[in-house]
């Protein structure tokens, strides 16, 4: 018997591209909701398909495997995060604000740590490439903000911007793992504020 939603898995016809884009957005919206509420464990392809009332085959038309779905969800989350109204324009301060916002979406923090763990294992080439590119971009973006902070006298000028960017990323990611395991014991925002205090310009 043909499921009505199996039409989603058919080759796109005239007007089908718009429908396909809308369906893909619907899938990502549902997936982000599921991950935010329940974590990655509840995010299997079949769970998402059931929540949307479509077949597993129809879902695989848009996302062939779990890795592709998880990556698409995190990319979409990052796009939405970039539009956050309270984003700062300083290196560690920006990460500190992100840590504060992440308290409300532990499932999406778990998604990030899952992607990071998958990236260092065999069998996840797309995830590995995504994380490599993400770290490269983050180091570049943060080092540019650090250079601006140094020029403004907010951060010591003798520190290497790329090294400090790498340290900041390592601190932020490690704090997220600790927070997921024991939320009451770790305050990522507070610890990143301590890092800000460690690297101010030296008084003359």
N, C-alpha and C. Protein backbone atom coordinates (compact mmCIF):
# COMPACT_ATOMS: atom_id res chain seq x y z
N UNK A 1 0.85 -1.20 0.00
CA UNK A 1 0.00 0.00 0.00
C UNK A 1 0.88 1.24 0.00
N UNK A 2 0.52 2.22 -0.79
CA UNK A 2 1.30 3.45 -0.88
C UNK A 2 0.87 4.43 0.20
N UNK A 3 1.83 4.92 0.96
CA UNK A 3 1.56 5.92 1.98
C UNK A 3 1.45 7.27 1.28
N UNK A 4 0.47 8.11 1.66
CA UNK A 4 0.32 9.42 1.01
C UNK A 4 1.59 10.23 0.99
N UNK A 5 2.38 10.12 2.06
CA UNK A 5 3.59 10.94 2.14
C UNK A 5 4.70 10.40 1.27
N UNK A 6 4.51 9.20 0.67
CA UNK A 6 5.54 8.67 -0.21
C UNK A 6 5.76 9.57 -1.41
N UNK A 7 4.79 10.43 -1.73
CA UNK A 7 4.96 11.38 -2.83
C UNK A 7 6.21 12.24 -2.61
N UNK A 8 6.58 12.44 -1.31
CA UNK A 8 7.76 13.25 -1.01
C UNK A 8 9.03 12.59 -1.53
N UNK A 9 9.00 11.26 -1.65
CA UNK A 9 10.20 10.55 -2.05
C UNK A 9 10.33 10.43 -3.56
N UNK A 10 9.31 10.86 -4.30
CA UNK A 10 9.34 10.77 -5.75
C UNK A 10 10.19 11.88 -6.34
N UNK A 11 10.70 11.72 -7.57
CA UNK A 11 11.47 12.79 -8.21
C UNK A 11 10.64 14.07 -8.31
N UNK A 12 11.27 15.23 -8.10
CA UNK A 12 10.52 16.49 -8.10
C UNK A 12 9.89 16.80 -9.45
N UNK A 13 8.63 17.20 -9.45
CA UNK A 13 7.95 17.65 -10.67
C UNK A 13 7.89 19.17 -10.64
N UNK A 14 7.24 19.76 -11.66
CA UNK A 14 7.10 21.21 -11.69
C UNK A 14 6.42 21.67 -10.40
N UNK A 15 6.99 22.60 -9.74
CA UNK A 15 6.46 23.07 -8.45
C UNK A 15 6.91 22.21 -7.29
N UNK A 16 7.54 21.08 -7.61
CA UNK A 16 7.94 20.17 -6.55
C UNK A 16 9.14 20.67 -5.75
N UNK A 17 9.96 21.54 -6.36
CA UNK A 17 11.13 22.03 -5.64
C UNK A 17 10.71 22.90 -4.45
N UNK A 18 9.69 23.72 -4.64
CA UNK A 18 9.21 24.55 -3.54
C UNK A 18 8.63 23.67 -2.44
N UNK A 19 7.84 22.68 -2.86
CA UNK A 19 7.27 21.77 -1.87
C UNK A 19 8.38 21.03 -1.13
N UNK A 20 9.42 20.61 -1.90
CA UNK A 20 10.53 19.90 -1.27
C UNK A 20 11.26 20.76 -0.28
N UNK A 21 11.48 22.04 -0.61
CA UNK A 21 12.16 22.95 0.30
C UNK A 21 11.34 23.17 1.56
N UNK A 22 10.03 23.28 1.40
CA UNK A 22 9.15 23.47 2.56
C UNK A 22 9.16 22.24 3.45
N UNK A 23 9.14 21.06 2.82
CA UNK A 23 9.17 19.82 3.60
C UNK A 23 10.49 19.68 4.34
N UNK A 24 11.59 20.04 3.68
CA UNK A 24 12.90 19.95 4.32
C UNK A 24 12.97 20.87 5.53
N UNK A 25 12.43 22.09 5.39
CA UNK A 25 12.40 23.02 6.51
C UNK A 25 11.55 22.48 7.65
N UNK A 26 10.43 21.85 7.30
CA UNK A 26 9.54 21.25 8.31
C UNK A 26 10.28 20.15 9.07
N UNK A 27 11.03 19.34 8.34
CA UNK A 27 11.78 18.26 8.98
C UNK A 27 12.82 18.84 9.94
N UNK A 28 13.54 19.87 9.50
CA UNK A 28 14.57 20.46 10.35
C UNK A 28 13.95 21.13 11.59
N UNK A 29 12.82 21.79 11.41
CA UNK A 29 12.14 22.40 12.56
C UNK A 29 11.77 21.35 13.60
N UNK A 30 11.21 20.24 13.12
CA UNK A 30 10.82 19.16 14.03
C UNK A 30 12.04 18.54 14.69
N UNK A 31 13.08 18.36 13.92
CA UNK A 31 14.30 17.76 14.45
C UNK A 31 14.94 18.64 15.52
N UNK A 32 15.00 19.95 15.25
CA UNK A 32 15.56 20.88 16.24
C UNK A 32 14.73 20.83 17.53
N UNK A 33 13.40 20.78 17.38
CA UNK A 33 12.53 20.69 18.56
C UNK A 33 12.80 19.42 19.34
N UNK A 34 12.91 18.29 18.62
CA UNK A 34 13.12 17.00 19.29
C UNK A 34 14.46 16.96 20.01
N UNK A 35 15.50 17.45 19.34
CA UNK A 35 16.82 17.43 19.96
C UNK A 35 16.87 18.36 21.16
N UNK A 36 16.29 19.57 21.02
CA UNK A 36 16.29 20.52 22.13
C UNK A 36 15.55 19.97 23.34
N UNK A 37 14.46 19.24 23.09
CA UNK A 37 13.63 18.73 24.19
C UNK A 37 14.13 17.42 24.77
N UNK A 38 14.67 16.55 23.90
CA UNK A 38 14.96 15.18 24.34
C UNK A 38 16.39 14.72 24.09
N UNK A 39 17.19 15.51 23.40
CA UNK A 39 18.56 15.11 23.14
C UNK A 39 18.69 14.29 21.87
N UNK A 40 19.91 13.90 21.57
CA UNK A 40 20.21 13.20 20.32
C UNK A 40 19.65 11.80 20.32
N UNK A 41 19.53 11.15 21.47
CA UNK A 41 19.06 9.77 21.52
C UNK A 41 17.67 9.61 20.92
N UNK A 42 16.88 10.67 20.95
CA UNK A 42 15.51 10.59 20.43
C UNK A 42 15.44 11.02 18.97
N UNK A 43 16.59 11.17 18.33
CA UNK A 43 16.60 11.77 17.00
C UNK A 43 16.87 10.79 15.88
N UNK A 44 16.48 9.54 16.04
CA UNK A 44 16.66 8.60 14.94
C UNK A 44 15.78 9.01 13.77
N UNK A 45 16.14 8.55 12.59
CA UNK A 45 15.36 8.88 11.40
C UNK A 45 13.91 8.44 11.56
N UNK A 46 13.71 7.27 12.11
CA UNK A 46 12.33 6.75 12.26
C UNK A 46 11.52 7.59 13.25
N UNK A 47 12.17 8.06 14.32
CA UNK A 47 11.45 8.88 15.30
C UNK A 47 10.98 10.19 14.67
N UNK A 48 11.84 10.79 13.87
CA UNK A 48 11.47 12.04 13.21
C UNK A 48 10.36 11.80 12.20
N UNK A 49 10.48 10.72 11.43
CA UNK A 49 9.45 10.40 10.43
C UNK A 49 8.10 10.19 11.09
N UNK A 50 8.09 9.46 12.20
CA UNK A 50 6.83 9.20 12.91
C UNK A 50 6.23 10.49 13.43
N UNK A 51 7.07 11.39 13.96
CA UNK A 51 6.57 12.65 14.50
C UNK A 51 5.95 13.52 13.41
N UNK A 52 6.49 13.40 12.19
CA UNK A 52 5.98 14.21 11.07
C UNK A 52 4.88 13.51 10.30
N UNK A 53 4.64 12.24 10.61
CA UNK A 53 3.60 11.50 9.90
C UNK A 53 3.98 11.14 8.48
N UNK A 54 5.28 10.94 8.24
CA UNK A 54 5.74 10.52 6.92
C UNK A 54 6.47 9.20 7.05
N UNK A 55 6.74 8.57 5.93
CA UNK A 55 7.43 7.29 5.96
C UNK A 55 8.93 7.49 6.13
N UNK A 56 9.57 6.43 6.58
CA UNK A 56 11.02 6.44 6.71
C UNK A 56 11.68 6.68 5.35
N UNK A 57 11.11 6.08 4.30
CA UNK A 57 11.64 6.25 2.94
C UNK A 57 11.55 7.70 2.49
N UNK A 58 10.45 8.37 2.82
CA UNK A 58 10.27 9.77 2.45
C UNK A 58 11.31 10.65 3.15
N UNK A 59 11.57 10.36 4.41
CA UNK A 59 12.56 11.14 5.15
C UNK A 59 13.95 10.95 4.55
N UNK A 60 14.26 9.71 4.17
CA UNK A 60 15.58 9.41 3.61
C UNK A 60 15.77 10.07 2.25
N UNK A 61 14.70 10.48 1.62
CA UNK A 61 14.82 11.23 0.36
C UNK A 61 15.53 12.57 0.60
N UNK A 62 15.29 13.16 1.77
CA UNK A 62 15.90 14.44 2.10
C UNK A 62 17.22 14.27 2.86
N UNK A 63 17.26 13.28 3.73
CA UNK A 63 18.45 13.04 4.55
C UNK A 63 18.75 11.54 4.51
N UNK A 64 19.68 11.11 3.66
CA UNK A 64 19.93 9.69 3.42
C UNK A 64 20.35 8.89 4.66
N UNK A 65 20.98 9.57 5.63
CA UNK A 65 21.43 8.84 6.82
C UNK A 65 21.42 9.78 8.03
N UNK A 66 21.67 9.20 9.18
CA UNK A 66 21.61 9.95 10.44
C UNK A 66 22.65 11.08 10.46
N UNK A 67 23.86 10.82 9.96
CA UNK A 67 24.89 11.86 9.97
C UNK A 67 24.44 13.08 9.19
N UNK A 68 23.86 12.87 8.01
CA UNK A 68 23.41 13.99 7.19
C UNK A 68 22.32 14.78 7.90
N UNK A 69 21.43 14.08 8.60
CA UNK A 69 20.36 14.76 9.32
C UNK A 69 20.91 15.58 10.48
N UNK A 70 21.81 14.99 11.27
CA UNK A 70 22.37 15.70 12.42
C UNK A 70 23.18 16.92 11.98
N UNK A 71 23.92 16.77 10.89
CA UNK A 71 24.70 17.90 10.39
C UNK A 71 23.79 19.03 9.90
N UNK A 72 22.73 18.66 9.20
CA UNK A 72 21.79 19.67 8.71
C UNK A 72 21.14 20.41 9.87
N UNK A 73 20.81 19.68 10.92
CA UNK A 73 20.19 20.31 12.09
C UNK A 73 21.16 21.28 12.74
N UNK A 74 22.42 20.88 12.91
CA UNK A 74 23.36 21.77 13.58
C UNK A 74 23.67 23.00 12.72
N UNK A 75 23.76 22.80 11.40
CA UNK A 75 23.98 23.94 10.51
C UNK A 75 22.83 24.94 10.62
N UNK A 76 21.61 24.42 10.64
CA UNK A 76 20.44 25.29 10.76
C UNK A 76 20.44 26.01 12.11
N UNK A 77 20.80 25.29 13.16
CA UNK A 77 20.89 25.90 14.48
C UNK A 77 21.92 27.03 14.49
N UNK A 78 23.07 26.81 13.84
CA UNK A 78 24.10 27.85 13.79
C UNK A 78 23.60 29.09 13.04
N UNK A 79 22.86 28.86 11.95
CA UNK A 79 22.32 29.99 11.18
C UNK A 79 21.40 30.83 12.07
N UNK A 80 20.55 30.16 12.83
CA UNK A 80 19.63 30.87 13.71
C UNK A 80 20.37 31.54 14.86
N UNK A 81 21.42 30.90 15.34
CA UNK A 81 22.22 31.45 16.43
C UNK A 81 22.92 32.74 16.00
N UNK A 82 23.33 32.82 14.73
CA UNK A 82 24.01 34.02 14.25
C UNK A 82 23.10 35.24 14.33
N UNK A 83 21.80 35.00 14.33
CA UNK A 83 20.86 36.12 14.39
C UNK A 83 20.48 36.52 15.80
N UNK A 84 21.11 35.91 16.79
CA UNK A 84 20.77 36.24 18.18
C UNK A 84 21.04 37.71 18.45
N UNK A 85 20.08 38.43 19.03
CA UNK A 85 20.22 39.89 19.20
C UNK A 85 21.29 40.30 20.18
N UNK A 86 21.69 39.37 21.09
CA UNK A 86 22.65 39.77 22.12
C UNK A 86 24.07 39.32 21.82
N UNK A 87 24.36 38.97 20.58
CA UNK A 87 25.73 38.58 20.24
C UNK A 87 26.66 39.78 20.42
N UNK A 88 27.81 39.49 21.02
CA UNK A 88 28.78 40.54 21.29
C UNK A 88 29.81 40.60 20.16
N UNK A 89 30.67 41.59 20.21
CA UNK A 89 31.71 41.74 19.21
C UNK A 89 33.10 41.65 19.84
N UNK A 90 33.23 40.81 20.86
CA UNK A 90 34.53 40.53 21.44
C UNK A 90 34.69 39.02 21.50
N UNK A 91 35.92 38.55 21.51
CA UNK A 91 36.19 37.13 21.33
C UNK A 91 35.59 36.26 22.45
N UNK A 92 36.13 36.38 23.64
CA UNK A 92 35.68 35.53 24.74
C UNK A 92 34.29 35.93 25.19
N UNK A 93 33.98 37.22 25.10
CA UNK A 93 32.64 37.67 25.48
C UNK A 93 31.57 37.03 24.63
N UNK A 94 31.83 36.85 23.35
CA UNK A 94 30.87 36.22 22.46
C UNK A 94 30.63 34.77 22.86
N UNK A 95 31.70 34.06 23.20
CA UNK A 95 31.57 32.67 23.62
C UNK A 95 30.85 32.58 24.96
N UNK A 96 31.10 33.57 25.81
CA UNK A 96 30.43 33.60 27.11
C UNK A 96 28.93 33.77 26.95
N UNK A 97 28.51 34.64 26.04
CA UNK A 97 27.09 34.83 25.78
C UNK A 97 26.47 33.57 25.19
N UNK A 98 27.21 32.87 24.33
CA UNK A 98 26.70 31.62 23.76
C UNK A 98 26.52 30.58 24.86
N UNK A 99 27.46 30.51 25.80
CA UNK A 99 27.36 29.56 26.91
C UNK A 99 26.10 29.84 27.73
N UNK A 100 25.80 31.13 27.91
CA UNK A 100 24.59 31.50 28.65
C UNK A 100 23.34 31.04 27.92
N UNK A 101 23.28 31.26 26.60
CA UNK A 101 22.10 30.85 25.83
C UNK A 101 21.97 29.33 25.79
N UNK A 102 23.10 28.62 25.79
CA UNK A 102 23.06 27.17 25.67
C UNK A 102 22.40 26.48 26.86
N UNK A 103 22.32 27.19 28.00
CA UNK A 103 21.67 26.60 29.16
C UNK A 103 20.22 26.22 28.86
N UNK A 104 19.61 26.93 27.94
CA UNK A 104 18.20 26.69 27.62
C UNK A 104 18.02 25.56 26.60
N UNK A 105 19.10 25.10 25.98
CA UNK A 105 18.98 24.06 24.94
C UNK A 105 20.03 22.97 25.13
N UNK A 106 20.00 22.26 26.27
CA UNK A 106 21.02 21.23 26.51
C UNK A 106 21.07 20.16 25.43
N UNK A 107 19.91 19.87 24.81
CA UNK A 107 19.90 18.86 23.77
C UNK A 107 20.74 19.25 22.57
N UNK A 108 20.74 20.54 22.23
CA UNK A 108 21.54 21.02 21.10
C UNK A 108 23.02 21.07 21.47
N UNK A 109 23.33 21.29 22.73
CA UNK A 109 24.72 21.20 23.18
C UNK A 109 25.18 19.75 23.07
N UNK A 110 24.30 18.83 23.45
CA UNK A 110 24.61 17.41 23.32
C UNK A 110 24.83 17.03 21.86
N UNK A 111 24.04 17.62 20.97
CA UNK A 111 24.21 17.35 19.54
C UNK A 111 25.61 17.75 19.10
N UNK A 112 26.08 18.91 19.53
CA UNK A 112 27.41 19.37 19.15
C UNK A 112 28.48 18.40 19.65
N UNK A 113 28.38 17.99 20.91
CA UNK A 113 29.39 17.09 21.45
C UNK A 113 29.33 15.72 20.77
N UNK A 114 28.14 15.31 20.34
CA UNK A 114 28.01 14.06 19.59
C UNK A 114 28.72 14.17 18.24
N UNK A 115 28.53 15.29 17.55
CA UNK A 115 29.21 15.49 16.28
C UNK A 115 30.73 15.51 16.47
N UNK A 116 31.19 16.15 17.53
CA UNK A 116 32.63 16.21 17.79
C UNK A 116 33.19 14.82 18.06
N UNK A 117 32.44 14.00 18.81
CA UNK A 117 32.89 12.64 19.10
C UNK A 117 32.89 11.78 17.84
N UNK A 118 31.84 11.92 17.02
CA UNK A 118 31.77 11.16 15.77
C UNK A 118 32.91 11.53 14.83
N UNK A 119 33.31 12.79 14.85
CA UNK A 119 34.30 13.28 13.88
C UNK A 119 35.66 12.63 14.04
N UNK A 120 35.98 12.14 15.23
CA UNK A 120 37.30 11.53 15.45
C UNK A 120 37.26 10.03 15.28
N UNK A 121 36.12 9.49 14.86
CA UNK A 121 35.98 8.06 14.63
C UNK A 121 35.90 7.78 13.13
N UNK A 122 36.27 6.55 12.77
CA UNK A 122 36.14 6.14 11.38
C UNK A 122 34.66 5.96 11.03
N UNK A 123 34.33 6.16 9.77
CA UNK A 123 32.97 5.92 9.33
C UNK A 123 32.07 7.14 9.33
N UNK A 124 32.65 8.32 9.65
CA UNK A 124 31.85 9.55 9.66
C UNK A 124 32.57 10.64 8.86
N UNK A 125 32.86 10.42 7.58
CA UNK A 125 33.65 11.39 6.81
C UNK A 125 33.01 12.76 6.70
N UNK A 126 31.70 12.82 6.51
CA UNK A 126 31.03 14.11 6.37
C UNK A 126 31.10 14.90 7.68
N UNK A 127 30.92 14.20 8.80
CA UNK A 127 31.00 14.86 10.11
C UNK A 127 32.41 15.33 10.39
N UNK A 128 33.39 14.52 10.06
CA UNK A 128 34.79 14.92 10.27
C UNK A 128 35.12 16.18 9.48
N UNK A 129 34.71 16.23 8.22
CA UNK A 129 35.00 17.39 7.39
C UNK A 129 34.28 18.62 7.92
N UNK A 130 33.03 18.44 8.37
CA UNK A 130 32.28 19.56 8.94
C UNK A 130 32.99 20.14 10.16
N UNK A 131 33.43 19.27 11.06
CA UNK A 131 34.07 19.75 12.28
C UNK A 131 35.42 20.39 11.98
N UNK A 132 36.19 19.82 11.04
CA UNK A 132 37.47 20.43 10.66
C UNK A 132 37.23 21.84 10.11
N UNK A 133 36.27 21.97 9.22
CA UNK A 133 35.98 23.28 8.64
C UNK A 133 35.46 24.25 9.70
N UNK A 134 34.65 23.73 10.62
CA UNK A 134 34.10 24.60 11.66
C UNK A 134 35.21 25.14 12.56
N UNK A 135 36.13 24.27 12.98
CA UNK A 135 37.22 24.73 13.84
C UNK A 135 38.13 25.72 13.09
N UNK A 136 38.37 25.46 11.80
CA UNK A 136 39.17 26.39 11.01
C UNK A 136 38.50 27.76 10.96
N UNK A 137 37.19 27.77 10.72
CA UNK A 137 36.44 29.03 10.65
C UNK A 137 36.41 29.73 12.01
N UNK A 138 36.19 28.95 13.07
CA UNK A 138 36.14 29.53 14.41
C UNK A 138 37.47 30.16 14.79
N UNK A 139 38.58 29.45 14.54
CA UNK A 139 39.89 30.01 14.86
C UNK A 139 40.12 31.33 14.12
N UNK A 140 39.72 31.35 12.85
CA UNK A 140 39.89 32.56 12.06
C UNK A 140 39.03 33.71 12.59
N UNK A 141 37.75 33.43 12.84
CA UNK A 141 36.84 34.47 13.32
C UNK A 141 37.26 35.00 14.69
N UNK A 142 37.60 34.06 15.59
CA UNK A 142 37.96 34.48 16.95
C UNK A 142 39.30 35.22 16.96
N UNK A 143 40.25 34.76 16.16
CA UNK A 143 41.55 35.46 16.14
C UNK A 143 41.38 36.89 15.62
N UNK A 144 40.45 37.10 14.67
CA UNK A 144 40.19 38.45 14.18
C UNK A 144 39.60 39.31 15.29
N UNK A 145 38.67 38.75 16.08
CA UNK A 145 38.09 39.49 17.20
C UNK A 145 39.15 39.77 18.27
N UNK A 146 40.05 38.80 18.49
CA UNK A 146 41.11 38.99 19.48
C UNK A 146 42.05 40.11 19.04
N UNK A 147 42.39 40.14 17.76
CA UNK A 147 43.24 41.22 17.26
C UNK A 147 42.57 42.58 17.46
N UNK A 148 41.26 42.62 17.25
CA UNK A 148 40.53 43.87 17.49
C UNK A 148 40.56 44.24 18.96
N UNK A 149 40.39 43.23 19.83
CA UNK A 149 40.46 43.49 21.28
C UNK A 149 41.85 43.96 21.68
N UNK A 150 42.88 43.40 21.05
CA UNK A 150 44.25 43.83 21.36
C UNK A 150 44.48 45.27 20.92
N UNK A 151 43.97 45.60 19.74
CA UNK A 151 44.14 46.97 19.23
C UNK A 151 43.41 47.97 20.13
N UNK A 152 42.30 47.53 20.74
CA UNK A 152 41.53 48.41 21.62
C UNK A 152 42.03 48.40 23.05
N UNK A 153 43.06 47.59 23.32
CA UNK A 153 43.63 47.54 24.65
C UNK A 153 42.89 46.67 25.63
N UNK A 154 42.02 45.79 25.14
CA UNK A 154 41.24 44.93 26.04
C UNK A 154 41.94 43.60 26.34
N UNK A 155 42.86 43.20 25.47
CA UNK A 155 43.59 41.94 25.62
C UNK A 155 45.07 42.22 25.42
N UNK A 156 45.92 41.49 26.16
CA UNK A 156 47.37 41.66 26.06
C UNK A 156 47.84 41.54 24.61
N UNK A 157 48.65 42.48 24.18
CA UNK A 157 49.09 42.52 22.79
C UNK A 157 50.16 41.48 22.49
N UNK A 158 50.81 40.90 23.53
CA UNK A 158 51.90 39.95 23.29
C UNK A 158 51.40 38.53 23.09
N UNK A 159 50.09 38.30 23.17
CA UNK A 159 49.54 36.95 22.99
C UNK A 159 49.26 36.69 21.52
N UNK A 160 49.56 35.47 21.08
CA UNK A 160 49.28 35.10 19.70
C UNK A 160 47.76 34.92 19.53
N UNK A 161 47.14 35.65 18.61
CA UNK A 161 45.68 35.59 18.46
C UNK A 161 45.15 34.19 18.12
N UNK A 162 45.87 33.46 17.26
CA UNK A 162 45.41 32.13 16.87
C UNK A 162 45.52 31.16 18.05
N UNK A 163 46.62 31.26 18.81
CA UNK A 163 46.78 30.39 19.98
C UNK A 163 45.69 30.66 21.01
N UNK A 164 45.41 31.94 21.25
CA UNK A 164 44.38 32.28 22.22
C UNK A 164 43.00 31.85 21.73
N UNK A 165 42.77 31.94 20.42
CA UNK A 165 41.51 31.46 19.85
C UNK A 165 41.37 29.96 20.08
N UNK A 166 42.45 29.20 19.83
CA UNK A 166 42.42 27.75 20.04
C UNK A 166 42.15 27.41 21.50
N UNK A 167 42.80 28.16 22.41
CA UNK A 167 42.58 27.93 23.84
C UNK A 167 41.15 28.23 24.23
N UNK A 168 40.58 29.30 23.69
CA UNK A 168 39.21 29.67 24.02
C UNK A 168 38.22 28.61 23.54
N UNK A 169 38.44 28.09 22.33
CA UNK A 169 37.56 27.04 21.80
C UNK A 169 37.66 25.79 22.66
N UNK A 170 38.90 25.42 23.03
CA UNK A 170 39.09 24.23 23.86
C UNK A 170 38.40 24.40 25.21
N UNK A 171 38.53 25.59 25.79
CA UNK A 171 37.88 25.85 27.07
C UNK A 171 36.37 25.76 26.95
N UNK A 172 35.81 26.38 25.92
CA UNK A 172 34.36 26.39 25.73
C UNK A 172 33.82 24.97 25.50
N UNK A 173 34.47 24.22 24.62
CA UNK A 173 34.00 22.86 24.32
C UNK A 173 34.12 21.95 25.53
N UNK A 174 35.25 22.05 26.23
CA UNK A 174 35.43 21.21 27.42
C UNK A 174 34.43 21.54 28.51
N UNK A 175 34.14 22.82 28.68
CA UNK A 175 33.15 23.23 29.68
C UNK A 175 31.76 22.70 29.34
N UNK A 176 31.44 22.67 28.04
CA UNK A 176 30.13 22.16 27.63
C UNK A 176 29.97 20.69 28.01
N UNK A 177 31.03 19.89 27.81
CA UNK A 177 30.96 18.48 28.18
C UNK A 177 30.78 18.33 29.68
N UNK A 178 31.57 19.09 30.47
CA UNK A 178 31.44 19.03 31.92
C UNK A 178 30.05 19.44 32.37
N UNK A 179 29.50 20.48 31.73
CA UNK A 179 28.17 20.97 32.09
C UNK A 179 27.11 19.93 31.79
N UNK A 180 27.22 19.25 30.64
CA UNK A 180 26.24 18.21 30.31
C UNK A 180 26.25 17.09 31.33
N UNK A 181 27.45 16.74 31.81
CA UNK A 181 27.57 15.63 32.76
C UNK A 181 27.16 16.03 34.17
N UNK A 182 27.35 17.30 34.53
CA UNK A 182 27.04 17.75 35.89
C UNK A 182 26.67 19.23 35.85
N UNK A 183 25.44 19.56 35.44
CA UNK A 183 25.04 20.96 35.27
C UNK A 183 25.17 21.82 36.52
N UNK A 184 24.99 21.21 37.69
CA UNK A 184 25.04 21.98 38.92
C UNK A 184 26.47 22.33 39.33
N UNK A 185 27.44 21.59 38.81
CA UNK A 185 28.83 21.78 39.24
C UNK A 185 29.61 22.76 38.38
N UNK A 186 29.13 23.01 37.15
CA UNK A 186 29.92 23.81 36.21
C UNK A 186 29.08 24.96 35.66
N UNK A 187 29.64 26.15 35.72
CA UNK A 187 29.01 27.35 35.14
C UNK A 187 29.95 27.85 34.04
N UNK A 188 29.67 27.46 32.79
CA UNK A 188 30.54 27.81 31.69
C UNK A 188 30.72 29.30 31.52
N UNK A 189 29.64 30.06 31.69
CA UNK A 189 29.72 31.51 31.54
C UNK A 189 30.67 32.10 32.56
N UNK A 190 30.60 31.62 33.81
CA UNK A 190 31.46 32.13 34.87
C UNK A 190 32.92 31.81 34.60
N UNK A 191 33.19 30.58 34.15
CA UNK A 191 34.57 30.18 33.90
C UNK A 191 35.16 30.95 32.72
N UNK A 192 34.37 31.18 31.68
CA UNK A 192 34.87 31.96 30.55
C UNK A 192 35.10 33.42 30.94
N UNK A 193 34.33 33.90 31.91
CA UNK A 193 34.60 35.25 32.42
C UNK A 193 35.96 35.28 33.11
N UNK A 194 36.31 34.17 33.79
CA UNK A 194 37.63 34.07 34.43
C UNK A 194 38.73 34.13 33.37
N UNK A 195 38.50 33.47 32.23
CA UNK A 195 39.49 33.52 31.16
C UNK A 195 39.68 34.95 30.65
N UNK A 196 38.60 35.72 30.59
CA UNK A 196 38.70 37.13 30.21
C UNK A 196 39.60 37.89 31.18
N UNK A 197 39.52 37.53 32.47
CA UNK A 197 40.29 38.24 33.49
C UNK A 197 41.78 37.88 33.44
N UNK A 198 42.07 36.71 32.87
CA UNK A 198 43.46 36.25 32.82
C UNK A 198 44.26 36.97 31.73
N UNK A 199 43.57 37.41 30.66
CA UNK A 199 44.29 37.93 29.50
C UNK A 199 44.15 39.44 29.26
N UNK A 200 43.86 40.25 30.29
CA UNK A 200 43.77 41.70 30.04
C UNK A 200 45.14 42.29 29.79
N UNK A 201 45.21 43.53 29.27
CA UNK A 201 46.52 44.15 29.04
C UNK A 201 47.27 44.34 30.34
N UNK A 202 48.60 44.23 30.24
CA UNK A 202 49.43 44.40 31.43
C UNK A 202 49.53 45.90 31.77
N UNK A 203 49.26 46.23 33.03
CA UNK A 203 49.34 47.62 33.47
C UNK A 203 50.79 48.08 33.46
N UNK A 204 50.97 49.30 32.99
CA UNK A 204 52.32 49.86 32.96
C UNK A 204 52.50 50.87 34.10
